[in-house]
PDB file of all heavy atoms in Angstrom:
ATOM      1  N   MET A   1      -9.569  16.576  -1.405  1.00  0.00           N
ATOM      2  CA  MET A   1      -9.300  15.533  -2.354  1.00  0.00           C
ATOM      3  C   MET A   1      -7.870  14.975  -2.261  1.00  0.00           C
ATOM      4  O   MET A   1      -7.068  15.484  -1.586  1.00  0.00           O
ATOM      5  CB  MET A   1      -9.387  16.233  -3.789  1.00  0.00           C
ATOM      6  CG  MET A   1     -10.698  16.689  -4.135  1.00  0.00           C
ATOM      7  SD  MET A   1     -10.755  17.428  -5.790  1.00  0.00           S
ATOM      8  CE  MET A   1     -12.346  18.149  -5.826  1.00  0.00           C
ATOM      9  N   LEU A   2      -7.746  13.808  -2.868  1.00  0.00           N
ATOM     10  CA  LEU A   2      -6.496  13.052  -2.828  1.00  0.00           C
ATOM     11  C   LEU A   2      -5.954  12.943  -4.239  1.00  0.00           C
ATOM     12  O   LEU A   2      -6.503  12.358  -5.155  1.00  0.00           O
ATOM     13  CB  LEU A   2      -6.674  11.726  -2.194  1.00  0.00           C
ATOM     14  CG  LEU A   2      -5.388  10.845  -2.073  1.00  0.00           C
ATOM     15  CD1 LEU A   2      -4.426  11.479  -1.117  1.00  0.00           C
ATOM     16  CD2 LEU A   2      -5.825   9.510  -1.573  1.00  0.00           C
ATOM     17  N   ASN A   3      -4.726  13.460  -4.462  1.00  0.00           N
ATOM     18  CA  ASN A   3      -4.102  13.357  -5.690  1.00  0.00           C
ATOM     19  C   ASN A   3      -3.398  11.966  -5.864  1.00  0.00           C
ATOM     20  O   ASN A   3      -2.609  11.617  -5.011  1.00  0.00           O
ATOM     21  CB  ASN A   3      -2.997  14.513  -5.870  1.00  0.00           C
ATOM     22  CG  ASN A   3      -2.356  14.484  -7.240  1.00  0.00           C
ATOM     23  OD1 ASN A   3      -2.195  13.506  -7.952  1.00  0.00           O
ATOM     24  ND2 ASN A   3      -1.973  15.710  -7.675  1.00  0.00           N
ATOM     25  N   ILE A   4      -3.895  11.286  -6.836  1.00  0.00           N
ATOM     26  CA  ILE A   4      -3.406   9.891  -6.996  1.00  0.00           C
ATOM     27  C   ILE A   4      -2.262   9.791  -7.864  1.00  0.00           C
ATOM     28  O   ILE A   4      -1.228   9.069  -7.583  1.00  0.00           O
ATOM     29  CB  ILE A   4      -4.619   8.991  -7.547  1.00  0.00           C
ATOM     30  CG1 ILE A   4      -5.688   8.884  -6.538  1.00  0.00           C
ATOM     31  CG2 ILE A   4      -4.088   7.586  -7.926  1.00  0.00           C
ATOM     32  CD1 ILE A   4      -5.355   8.206  -5.280  1.00  0.00           C
ATOM     33  N   SER A   5      -2.258  10.481  -9.079  1.00  0.00           N
ATOM     34  CA  SER A   5      -1.161  10.294 -10.003  1.00  0.00           C
ATOM     35  C   SER A   5      -1.188  11.334 -11.070  1.00  0.00           C
ATOM     36  O   SER A   5      -2.275  12.019 -11.268  1.00  0.00           O
ATOM     37  CB  SER A   5      -1.080   8.938 -10.584  1.00  0.00           C
ATOM     38  OG  SER A   5      -2.197   8.754 -11.440  1.00  0.00           O
ATOM     39  N   GLU A   6      -0.092  11.424 -11.807  1.00  0.00           N
ATOM     40  CA  GLU A   6      -0.051  12.288 -13.102  1.00  0.00           C
ATOM     41  C   GLU A   6      -0.775  11.455 -14.106  1.00  0.00           C
ATOM     42  O   GLU A   6      -0.715  10.230 -14.101  1.00  0.00           O
ATOM     43  CB  GLU A   6       1.361  12.497 -13.493  1.00  0.00           C
ATOM     44  CG  GLU A   6       2.102  13.530 -12.678  1.00  0.00           C
ATOM     45  CD  GLU A   6       3.465  13.778 -13.287  1.00  0.00           C
ATOM     46  OE1 GLU A   6       4.368  12.919 -13.135  1.00  0.00           O
ATOM     47  OE2 GLU A   6       3.690  14.837 -13.853  1.00  0.00           O
ATOM     48  N   VAL A   7      -1.330  12.123 -15.088  1.00  0.00           N
ATOM     49  CA  VAL A   7      -1.902  11.546 -16.325  1.00  0.00           C
ATOM     50  C   VAL A   7      -1.078  11.892 -17.419  1.00  0.00           C
ATOM     51  O   VAL A   7      -1.055  13.115 -17.838  1.00  0.00           O
ATOM     52  CB  VAL A   7      -3.329  11.909 -16.419  1.00  0.00           C
ATOM     53  CG1 VAL A   7      -3.936  11.363 -17.738  1.00  0.00           C
ATOM     54  CG2 VAL A   7      -4.240  11.564 -15.266  1.00  0.00           C
ATOM     55  N   LYS A   8      -0.402  10.977 -18.083  1.00  0.00           N
ATOM     56  CA  LYS A   8       0.564  11.217 -19.204  1.00  0.00           C
ATOM     57  C   LYS A   8      -0.022  10.735 -20.499  1.00  0.00           C
ATOM     58  O   LYS A   8       0.528  11.076 -21.526  1.00  0.00           O
ATOM     59  CB  LYS A   8       1.897  10.659 -19.001  1.00  0.00           C
ATOM     60  CG  LYS A   8       2.620  11.134 -17.704  1.00  0.00           C
ATOM     61  CD  LYS A   8       3.278  12.419 -18.066  1.00  0.00           C
ATOM     62  CE  LYS A   8       4.208  12.878 -16.910  1.00  0.00           C
ATOM     63  NZ  LYS A   8       4.648  14.162 -17.108  1.00  0.00           N
ATOM     64  N   ARG A   9      -0.998   9.838 -20.470  1.00  0.00           N
ATOM     65  CA  ARG A   9      -1.572   9.234 -21.644  1.00  0.00           C
ATOM     66  C   ARG A   9      -2.987   9.793 -21.814  1.00  0.00           C
ATOM     67  O   ARG A   9      -3.710  10.008 -20.858  1.00  0.00           O
ATOM     68  CB  ARG A   9      -1.617   7.761 -21.586  1.00  0.00           C
ATOM     69  CG  ARG A   9      -0.271   7.088 -21.565  1.00  0.00           C
ATOM     70  CD  ARG A   9      -0.428   5.560 -21.515  1.00  0.00           C
ATOM     71  NE  ARG A   9       0.869   4.922 -21.785  1.00  0.00           N
ATOM     72  CZ  ARG A   9       1.646   4.500 -20.810  1.00  0.00           C
ATOM     73  NH1 ARG A   9       1.305   4.654 -19.516  1.00  0.00           N
ATOM     74  NH2 ARG A   9       2.806   3.970 -21.074  1.00  0.00           N
ATOM     75  N   PHE A  10      -3.457  10.009 -23.086  1.00  0.00           N
ATOM     76  CA  PHE A  10      -4.715  10.617 -23.357  1.00  0.00           C
ATOM     77  C   PHE A  10      -5.637   9.700 -23.974  1.00  0.00           C
ATOM     78  O   PHE A  10      -6.774  10.099 -24.328  1.00  0.00           O
ATOM     79  CB  PHE A  10      -4.492  11.875 -24.232  1.00  0.00           C
ATOM     80  CG  PHE A  10      -3.453  12.815 -23.632  1.00  0.00           C
ATOM     81  CD1 PHE A  10      -2.210  12.989 -24.218  1.00  0.00           C
ATOM     82  CD2 PHE A  10      -3.766  13.561 -22.486  1.00  0.00           C
ATOM     83  CE1 PHE A  10      -1.333  13.846 -23.663  1.00  0.00           C
ATOM     84  CE2 PHE A  10      -2.854  14.406 -21.928  1.00  0.00           C
ATOM     85  CZ  PHE A  10      -1.590  14.515 -22.425  1.00  0.00           C
ATOM     86  N   ASP A  11      -5.257   8.486 -24.160  1.00  0.00           N
ATOM     87  CA  ASP A  11      -6.138   7.419 -24.793  1.00  0.00           C
ATOM     88  C   ASP A  11      -6.222   6.159 -23.931  1.00  0.00           C
ATOM     89  O   ASP A  11      -6.440   5.055 -24.462  1.00  0.00           O
ATOM     90  CB  ASP A  11      -5.545   7.013 -26.203  1.00  0.00           C
ATOM     91  CG  ASP A  11      -4.096   6.522 -26.124  1.00  0.00           C
ATOM     92  OD1 ASP A  11      -3.552   6.616 -25.031  1.00  0.00           O
ATOM     93  OD2 ASP A  11      -3.591   6.155 -27.168  1.00  0.00           O
ATOM     94  N   GLY A  12      -6.147   6.327 -22.649  1.00  0.00           N
ATOM     95  CA  GLY A  12      -6.219   5.252 -21.767  1.00  0.00           C
ATOM     96  C   GLY A  12      -4.996   5.186 -20.824  1.00  0.00           C
ATOM     97  O   GLY A  12      -3.949   5.356 -21.339  1.00  0.00           O
ATOM     98  N   PHE A  13      -5.234   4.922 -19.531  1.00  0.00           N
ATOM     99  CA  PHE A  13      -4.070   4.837 -18.593  1.00  0.00           C
ATOM    100  C   PHE A  13      -4.439   3.900 -17.418  1.00  0.00           C
ATOM    101  O   PHE A  13      -5.630   3.634 -17.264  1.00  0.00           O
ATOM    102  CB  PHE A  13      -3.662   6.231 -18.102  1.00  0.00           C
ATOM    103  CG  PHE A  13      -4.711   6.991 -17.378  1.00  0.00           C
ATOM    104  CD1 PHE A  13      -5.015   6.712 -15.963  1.00  0.00           C
ATOM    105  CD2 PHE A  13      -5.451   7.917 -18.003  1.00  0.00           C
ATOM    106  CE1 PHE A  13      -5.918   7.429 -15.286  1.00  0.00           C
ATOM    107  CE2 PHE A  13      -6.445   8.616 -17.334  1.00  0.00           C
ATOM    108  CZ  PHE A  13      -6.675   8.335 -15.910  1.00  0.00           C
ATOM    109  N   ILE A  14      -3.400   3.548 -16.712  1.00  0.00           N
ATOM    110  CA  ILE A  14      -3.558   2.743 -15.519  1.00  0.00           C
ATOM    111  C   ILE A  14      -2.772   3.505 -14.377  1.00  0.00           C
ATOM    112  O   ILE A  14      -1.563   3.731 -14.562  1.00  0.00           O
ATOM    113  CB  ILE A  14      -2.993   1.270 -15.684  1.00  0.00           C
ATOM    114  CG1 ILE A  14      -3.658   0.555 -16.796  1.00  0.00           C
ATOM    115  CG2 ILE A  14      -3.063   0.556 -14.377  1.00  0.00           C
ATOM    116  CD1 ILE A  14      -2.984  -0.740 -17.185  1.00  0.00           C
ATOM    117  N   SER A  15      -3.545   3.814 -13.344  1.00  0.00           N
ATOM    118  CA  SER A  15      -2.820   4.544 -12.211  1.00  0.00           C
ATOM    119  C   SER A  15      -2.937   3.548 -10.972  1.00  0.00           C
ATOM    120  O   SER A  15      -4.009   2.963 -10.705  1.00  0.00           O
ATOM    121  CB  SER A  15      -3.517   5.840 -11.908  1.00  0.00           C
ATOM    122  OG  SER A  15      -3.302   6.757 -12.868  1.00  0.00           O
ATOM    123  N   VAL A  16      -1.824   3.506 -10.221  1.00  0.00           N
ATOM    124  CA  VAL A  16      -1.778   2.652  -9.067  1.00  0.00           C
ATOM    125  C   VAL A  16      -2.322   3.431  -7.828  1.00  0.00           C
ATOM    126  O   VAL A  16      -1.802   4.649  -7.670  1.00  0.00           O
ATOM    127  CB  VAL A  16      -0.345   2.158  -8.814  1.00  0.00           C
ATOM    128  CG1 VAL A  16      -0.235   1.424  -7.492  1.00  0.00           C
ATOM    129  CG2 VAL A  16       0.170   1.287 -10.002  1.00  0.00           C
ATOM    130  N   VAL A  17      -3.207   2.908  -7.146  1.00  0.00           N
ATOM    131  CA  VAL A  17      -3.652   3.510  -5.924  1.00  0.00           C
ATOM    132  C   VAL A  17      -2.743   3.131  -4.778  1.00  0.00           C
ATOM    133  O   VAL A  17      -2.451   1.927  -4.591  1.00  0.00           O
ATOM    134  CB  VAL A  17      -5.188   3.008  -5.639  1.00  0.00           C
ATOM    135  CG1 VAL A  17      -5.623   3.554  -4.296  1.00  0.00           C
ATOM    136  CG2 VAL A  17      -6.036   3.356  -6.727  1.00  0.00           C
ATOM    137  N   PRO A  18      -2.209   4.132  -4.022  1.00  0.00           N
ATOM    138  CA  PRO A  18      -1.311   3.809  -2.938  1.00  0.00           C
ATOM    139  C   PRO A  18      -2.030   2.847  -1.934  1.00  0.00           C
ATOM    140  O   PRO A  18      -3.192   2.840  -1.727  1.00  0.00           O
ATOM    141  CB  PRO A  18      -1.094   5.165  -2.278  1.00  0.00           C
ATOM    142  CG  PRO A  18      -1.324   6.156  -3.375  1.00  0.00           C
ATOM    143  CD  PRO A  18      -2.389   5.547  -4.164  1.00  0.00           C
ATOM    144  N   ASN A  19      -1.146   2.005  -1.311  1.00  0.00           N
ATOM    145  CA  ASN A  19      -1.654   1.036  -0.377  1.00  0.00           C
ATOM    146  C   ASN A  19      -2.472   1.542   0.815  1.00  0.00           C
ATOM    147  O   ASN A  19      -3.337   0.912   1.316  1.00  0.00           O
ATOM    148  CB  ASN A  19      -0.490   0.160   0.203  1.00  0.00           C
ATOM    149  CG  ASN A  19       0.111  -0.694  -0.877  1.00  0.00           C
ATOM    150  OD1 ASN A  19      -0.584  -1.085  -1.809  1.00  0.00           O
ATOM    151  ND2 ASN A  19       1.382  -1.032  -0.711  1.00  0.00           N
ATOM    152  N   ASP A  20      -2.090   2.770   1.252  1.00  0.00           N
ATOM    153  CA  ASP A  20      -2.754   3.341   2.376  1.00  0.00           C
ATOM    154  C   ASP A  20      -4.016   4.071   2.039  1.00  0.00           C
ATOM    155  O   ASP A  20      -4.738   4.734   2.891  1.00  0.00           O
ATOM    156  CB  ASP A  20      -1.825   4.265   3.193  1.00  0.00           C
ATOM    157  CG  ASP A  20      -1.360   5.431   2.296  1.00  0.00           C
ATOM    158  OD1 ASP A  20      -1.387   5.337   1.070  1.00  0.00           O
ATOM    159  OD2 ASP A  20      -0.923   6.403   2.920  1.00  0.00           O
ATOM    160  N   VAL A  21      -4.524   4.009   0.808  1.00  0.00           N
ATOM    161  CA  VAL A  21      -5.704   4.709   0.364  1.00  0.00           C
ATOM    162  C   VAL A  21      -6.909   3.718   0.344  1.00  0.00           C
ATOM    163  O   VAL A  21      -6.819   2.657  -0.328  1.00  0.00           O
ATOM    164  CB  VAL A  21      -5.496   5.332  -0.968  1.00  0.00           C
ATOM    165  CG1 VAL A  21      -6.837   5.930  -1.497  1.00  0.00           C
ATOM    166  CG2 VAL A  21      -4.478   6.415  -0.881  1.00  0.00           C
ATOM    167  N   ASP A  22      -7.920   4.112   0.959  1.00  0.00           N
ATOM    168  CA  ASP A  22      -9.282   3.304   0.940  1.00  0.00           C
ATOM    169  C   ASP A  22     -10.165   3.922  -0.036  1.00  0.00           C
ATOM    170  O   ASP A  22     -10.715   5.000   0.269  1.00  0.00           O
ATOM    171  CB  ASP A  22      -9.858   3.265   2.315  1.00  0.00           C
ATOM    172  CG  ASP A  22     -11.155   2.433   2.339  1.00  0.00           C
ATOM    173  OD1 ASP A  22     -11.482   1.819   1.320  1.00  0.00           O
ATOM    174  OD2 ASP A  22     -11.803   2.450   3.424  1.00  0.00           O
ATOM    175  N   ILE A  23     -10.324   3.359  -1.231  1.00  0.00           N
ATOM    176  CA  ILE A  23     -11.128   3.990  -2.216  1.00  0.00           C
ATOM    177  C   ILE A  23     -12.614   4.164  -1.807  1.00  0.00           C
ATOM    178  O   ILE A  23     -13.335   4.921  -2.331  1.00  0.00           O
ATOM    179  CB  ILE A  23     -11.041   3.256  -3.559  1.00  0.00           C
ATOM    180  CG1 ILE A  23     -11.606   1.786  -3.451  1.00  0.00           C
ATOM    181  CG2 ILE A  23      -9.686   3.320  -4.180  1.00  0.00           C
ATOM    182  CD1 ILE A  23     -11.983   1.221  -4.774  1.00  0.00           C
ATOM    183  N   ASN A  24     -13.036   3.352  -0.873  1.00  0.00           N
ATOM    184  CA  ASN A  24     -14.403   3.393  -0.377  1.00  0.00           C
ATOM    185  C   ASN A  24     -14.734   4.644   0.400  1.00  0.00           C
ATOM    186  O   ASN A  24     -15.860   4.925   0.642  1.00  0.00           O
ATOM    187  CB  ASN A  24     -14.725   2.147   0.517  1.00  0.00           C
ATOM    188  CG  ASN A  24     -14.600   0.831  -0.255  1.00  0.00           C
ATOM    189  OD1 ASN A  24     -15.169   0.698  -1.264  1.00  0.00           O
ATOM    190  ND2 ASN A  24     -13.648   0.011   0.203  1.00  0.00           N
ATOM    191  N   GLN A  25     -13.624   5.421   0.704  1.00  0.00           N
ATOM    192  CA  GLN A  25     -13.870   6.714   1.428  1.00  0.00           C
ATOM    193  C   GLN A  25     -14.161   7.812   0.391  1.00  0.00           C
ATOM    194  O   GLN A  25     -14.447   8.961   0.760  1.00  0.00           O
ATOM    195  CB  GLN A  25     -12.610   7.065   2.224  1.00  0.00           C
ATOM    196  CG  GLN A  25     -12.249   6.134   3.281  1.00  0.00           C
ATOM    197  CD  GLN A  25     -13.355   6.013   4.300  1.00  0.00           C
ATOM    198  OE1 GLN A  25     -13.886   7.075   4.880  1.00  0.00           O
ATOM    199  NE2 GLN A  25     -13.763   4.780   4.636  1.00  0.00           N
ATOM    200  N   PHE A  26     -14.155   7.562  -0.851  1.00  0.00           N
ATOM    201  CA  PHE A  26     -14.402   8.506  -1.870  1.00  0.00           C
ATOM    202  C   PHE A  26     -15.522   8.054  -2.743  1.00  0.00           C
ATOM    203  O   PHE A  26     -15.937   6.933  -2.808  1.00  0.00           O
ATOM    204  CB  PHE A  26     -13.081   8.649  -2.736  1.00  0.00           C
ATOM    205  CG  PHE A  26     -11.893   9.032  -1.930  1.00  0.00           C
ATOM    206  CD1 PHE A  26     -11.013   8.057  -1.393  1.00  0.00           C
ATOM    207  CD2 PHE A  26     -11.634  10.411  -1.785  1.00  0.00           C
ATOM    208  CE1 PHE A  26      -9.941   8.420  -0.619  1.00  0.00           C
ATOM    209  CE2 PHE A  26     -10.465  10.714  -0.910  1.00  0.00           C
ATOM    210  CZ  PHE A  26      -9.605   9.843  -0.355  1.00  0.00           C
ATOM    211  N   ASN A  27     -16.067   9.022  -3.585  1.00  0.00           N
ATOM    212  CA  ASN A  27     -17.108   8.645  -4.429  1.00  0.00           C
ATOM    213  C   ASN A  27     -16.903   9.130  -5.984  1.00  0.00           C
ATOM    214  O   ASN A  27     -17.648   8.818  -6.860  1.00  0.00           O
ATOM    215  CB  ASN A  27     -18.425   9.174  -4.009  1.00  0.00           C
ATOM    216  CG  ASN A  27     -18.676  10.661  -4.091  1.00  0.00           C
ATOM    217  OD1 ASN A  27     -17.823  11.342  -4.641  1.00  0.00           O
ATOM    218  ND2 ASN A  27     -19.742  11.106  -3.634  1.00  0.00           N
ATOM    219  N   SER A  28     -15.837   9.830  -6.238  1.00  0.00           N
ATOM    220  CA  SER A  28     -15.631  10.381  -7.559  1.00  0.00           C
ATOM    221  C   SER A  28     -14.176  10.402  -7.933  1.00  0.00           C
ATOM    222  O   SER A  28     -13.281  10.494  -7.081  1.00  0.00           O
ATOM    223  CB  SER A  28     -16.080  11.849  -7.647  1.00  0.00           C
ATOM    224  OG  SER A  28     -17.485  11.897  -7.312  1.00  0.00           O
ATOM    225  N   VAL A  29     -13.926  10.321  -9.277  1.00  0.00           N
ATOM    226  CA  VAL A  29     -12.639  10.509  -9.844  1.00  0.00           C
ATOM    227  C   VAL A  29     -12.665  11.734 -10.701  1.00  0.00           C
ATOM    228  O   VAL A  29     -13.669  12.096 -11.355  1.00  0.00           O
ATOM    229  CB  VAL A  29     -12.137   9.348 -10.712  1.00  0.00           C
ATOM    230  CG1 VAL A  29     -11.798   8.149  -9.879  1.00  0.00           C
ATOM    231  CG2 VAL A  29     -13.159   8.927 -11.724  1.00  0.00           C
ATOM    232  N   ILE A  30     -11.551  12.551 -10.653  1.00  0.00           N
ATOM    233  CA  ILE A  30     -11.590  13.771 -11.388  1.00  0.00           C
ATOM    234  C   ILE A  30     -10.078  13.894 -12.132  1.00  0.00           C
ATOM    235  O   ILE A  30      -9.162  13.542 -11.495  1.00  0.00           O
ATOM    236  CB  ILE A  30     -11.691  14.963 -10.354  1.00  0.00           C
ATOM    237  CG1 ILE A  30     -13.067  14.847  -9.697  1.00  0.00           C
ATOM    238  CG2 ILE A  30     -11.510  16.338 -11.127  1.00  0.00           C
ATOM    239  CD1 ILE A  30     -13.086  15.527  -8.369  1.00  0.00           C
ATOM    240  N   ILE A  31     -10.168  14.432 -13.286  1.00  0.00           N
ATOM    241  CA  ILE A  31      -8.948  14.833 -13.970  1.00  0.00           C
ATOM    242  C   ILE A  31      -8.955  16.302 -14.111  1.00  0.00           C
ATOM    243  O   ILE A  31      -9.905  16.900 -14.527  1.00  0.00           O
ATOM    244  CB  ILE A  31      -8.815  14.098 -15.323  1.00  0.00           C
ATOM    245  CG1 ILE A  31      -8.829  12.572 -15.118  1.00  0.00           C
ATOM    246  CG2 ILE A  31      -7.630  14.594 -16.126  1.00  0.00           C
ATOM    247  CD1 ILE A  31      -8.733  11.757 -16.412  1.00  0.00           C
ATOM    248  N   TRP A  32      -7.825  16.850 -13.672  1.00  0.00           N
ATOM    249  CA  TRP A  32      -7.617  18.280 -13.510  1.00  0.00           C
ATOM    250  C   TRP A  32      -6.338  18.698 -14.103  1.00  0.00           C
ATOM    251  O   TRP A  32      -5.265  18.048 -14.033  1.00  0.00           O
ATOM    252  CB  TRP A  32      -7.615  18.635 -12.060  1.00  0.00           C
ATOM    253  CG  TRP A  32      -7.362  20.017 -11.688  1.00  0.00           C
ATOM    254  CD1 TRP A  32      -6.147  20.516 -11.179  1.00  0.00           C
ATOM    255  CD2 TRP A  32      -8.238  21.117 -11.702  1.00  0.00           C
ATOM    256  NE1 TRP A  32      -6.262  21.898 -10.950  1.00  0.00           N
ATOM    257  CE2 TRP A  32      -7.551  22.265 -11.204  1.00  0.00           C
ATOM    258  CE3 TRP A  32      -9.592  21.342 -12.107  1.00  0.00           C
ATOM    259  CZ2 TRP A  32      -8.094  23.542 -11.167  1.00  0.00           C
ATOM    260  CZ3 TRP A  32     -10.152  22.571 -12.008  1.00  0.00           C
ATOM    261  CH2 TRP A  32      -9.375  23.668 -11.520  1.00  0.00           C
ATOM    262  N   CYS A  33      -6.269  19.823 -14.770  1.00  0.00           N
ATOM    263  CA  CYS A  33      -5.064  20.377 -15.362  1.00  0.00           C
ATOM    264  C   CYS A  33      -4.480  21.411 -14.382  1.00  0.00           C
ATOM    265  O   CYS A  33      -5.041  22.468 -14.186  1.00  0.00           O
ATOM    266  CB  CYS A  33      -5.340  21.059 -16.732  1.00  0.00           C
ATOM    267  SG  CYS A  33      -3.831  21.832 -17.415  1.00  0.00           S
ATOM    268  N   GLU A  34      -3.397  20.944 -13.696  1.00  0.00           N
ATOM    269  CA  GLU A  34      -2.804  21.786 -12.717  1.00  0.00           C
ATOM    270  C   GLU A  34      -2.128  23.069 -13.350  1.00  0.00           C
ATOM    271  O   GLU A  34      -2.182  24.148 -12.777  1.00  0.00           O
ATOM    272  CB  GLU A  34      -1.689  21.086 -11.882  1.00  0.00           C
ATOM    273  CG  GLU A  34      -2.200  20.056 -10.936  1.00  0.00           C
ATOM    274  CD  GLU A  34      -2.826  20.590  -9.758  1.00  0.00           C
ATOM    275  OE1 GLU A  34      -2.611  21.768  -9.383  1.00  0.00           O
ATOM    276  OE2 GLU A  34      -3.617  19.796  -9.132  1.00  0.00           O
ATOM    277  N   ALA A  35      -1.515  22.882 -14.493  1.00  0.00           N
ATOM    278  CA  ALA A  35      -0.841  24.023 -15.140  1.00  0.00           C
ATOM    279  C   ALA A  35      -1.690  25.241 -15.446  1.00  0.00           C
ATOM    280  O   ALA A  35      -1.283  26.389 -15.212  1.00  0.00           O
ATOM    281  CB  ALA A  35      -0.153  23.616 -16.426  1.00  0.00           C
ATOM    282  N   PHE A  36      -2.902  25.032 -15.820  1.00  0.00           N
ATOM    283  CA  PHE A  36      -3.804  26.098 -16.167  1.00  0.00           C
ATOM    284  C   PHE A  36      -5.028  26.130 -15.304  1.00  0.00           C
ATOM    285  O   PHE A  36      -5.906  27.003 -15.569  1.00  0.00           O
ATOM    286  CB  PHE A  36      -4.256  25.943 -17.715  1.00  0.00           C
ATOM    287  CG  PHE A  36      -3.152  26.060 -18.617  1.00  0.00           C
ATOM    288  CD1 PHE A  36      -2.544  25.015 -19.292  1.00  0.00           C
ATOM    289  CD2 PHE A  36      -2.567  27.317 -18.848  1.00  0.00           C
ATOM    290  CE1 PHE A  36      -1.463  25.146 -20.127  1.00  0.00           C
ATOM    291  CE2 PHE A  36      -1.525  27.577 -19.727  1.00  0.00           C
ATOM    292  CZ  PHE A  36      -1.009  26.438 -20.356  1.00  0.00           C
ATOM    293  N   GLY A  37      -5.107  25.299 -14.280  1.00  0.00           N
ATOM    294  CA  GLY A  37      -6.248  25.384 -13.382  1.00  0.00           C
ATOM    295  C   GLY A  37      -7.665  25.095 -14.077  1.00  0.00           C
ATOM    296  O   GLY A  37      -8.609  25.763 -13.896  1.00  0.00           O
ATOM    297  N   GLU A  38      -7.563  24.040 -14.957  1.00  0.00           N
ATOM    298  CA  GLU A  38      -8.728  23.797 -15.799  1.00  0.00           C
ATOM    299  C   GLU A  38      -9.289  22.419 -15.469  1.00  0.00           C
ATOM    300  O   GLU A  38      -8.620  21.363 -15.262  1.00  0.00           O
ATOM    301  CB  GLU A  38      -8.408  23.688 -17.255  1.00  0.00           C
ATOM    302  CG  GLU A  38      -8.124  25.112 -17.881  1.00  0.00           C
ATOM    303  CD  GLU A  38      -9.358  25.838 -18.105  1.00  0.00           C
ATOM    304  OE1 GLU A  38     -10.509  25.281 -18.149  1.00  0.00           O
ATOM    305  OE2 GLU A  38      -9.252  27.078 -18.185  1.00  0.00           O
TER     306      GLU A  38
END
């Protein structure tokens, strides 16, 4: 997987995809809590 960004807002957010990332190589987005492995 590729970590795109931190999520700091819980009611909507905008994350910038790095220029060297081709989103067409992926099929899913996931939000994960690193602190608790949830």
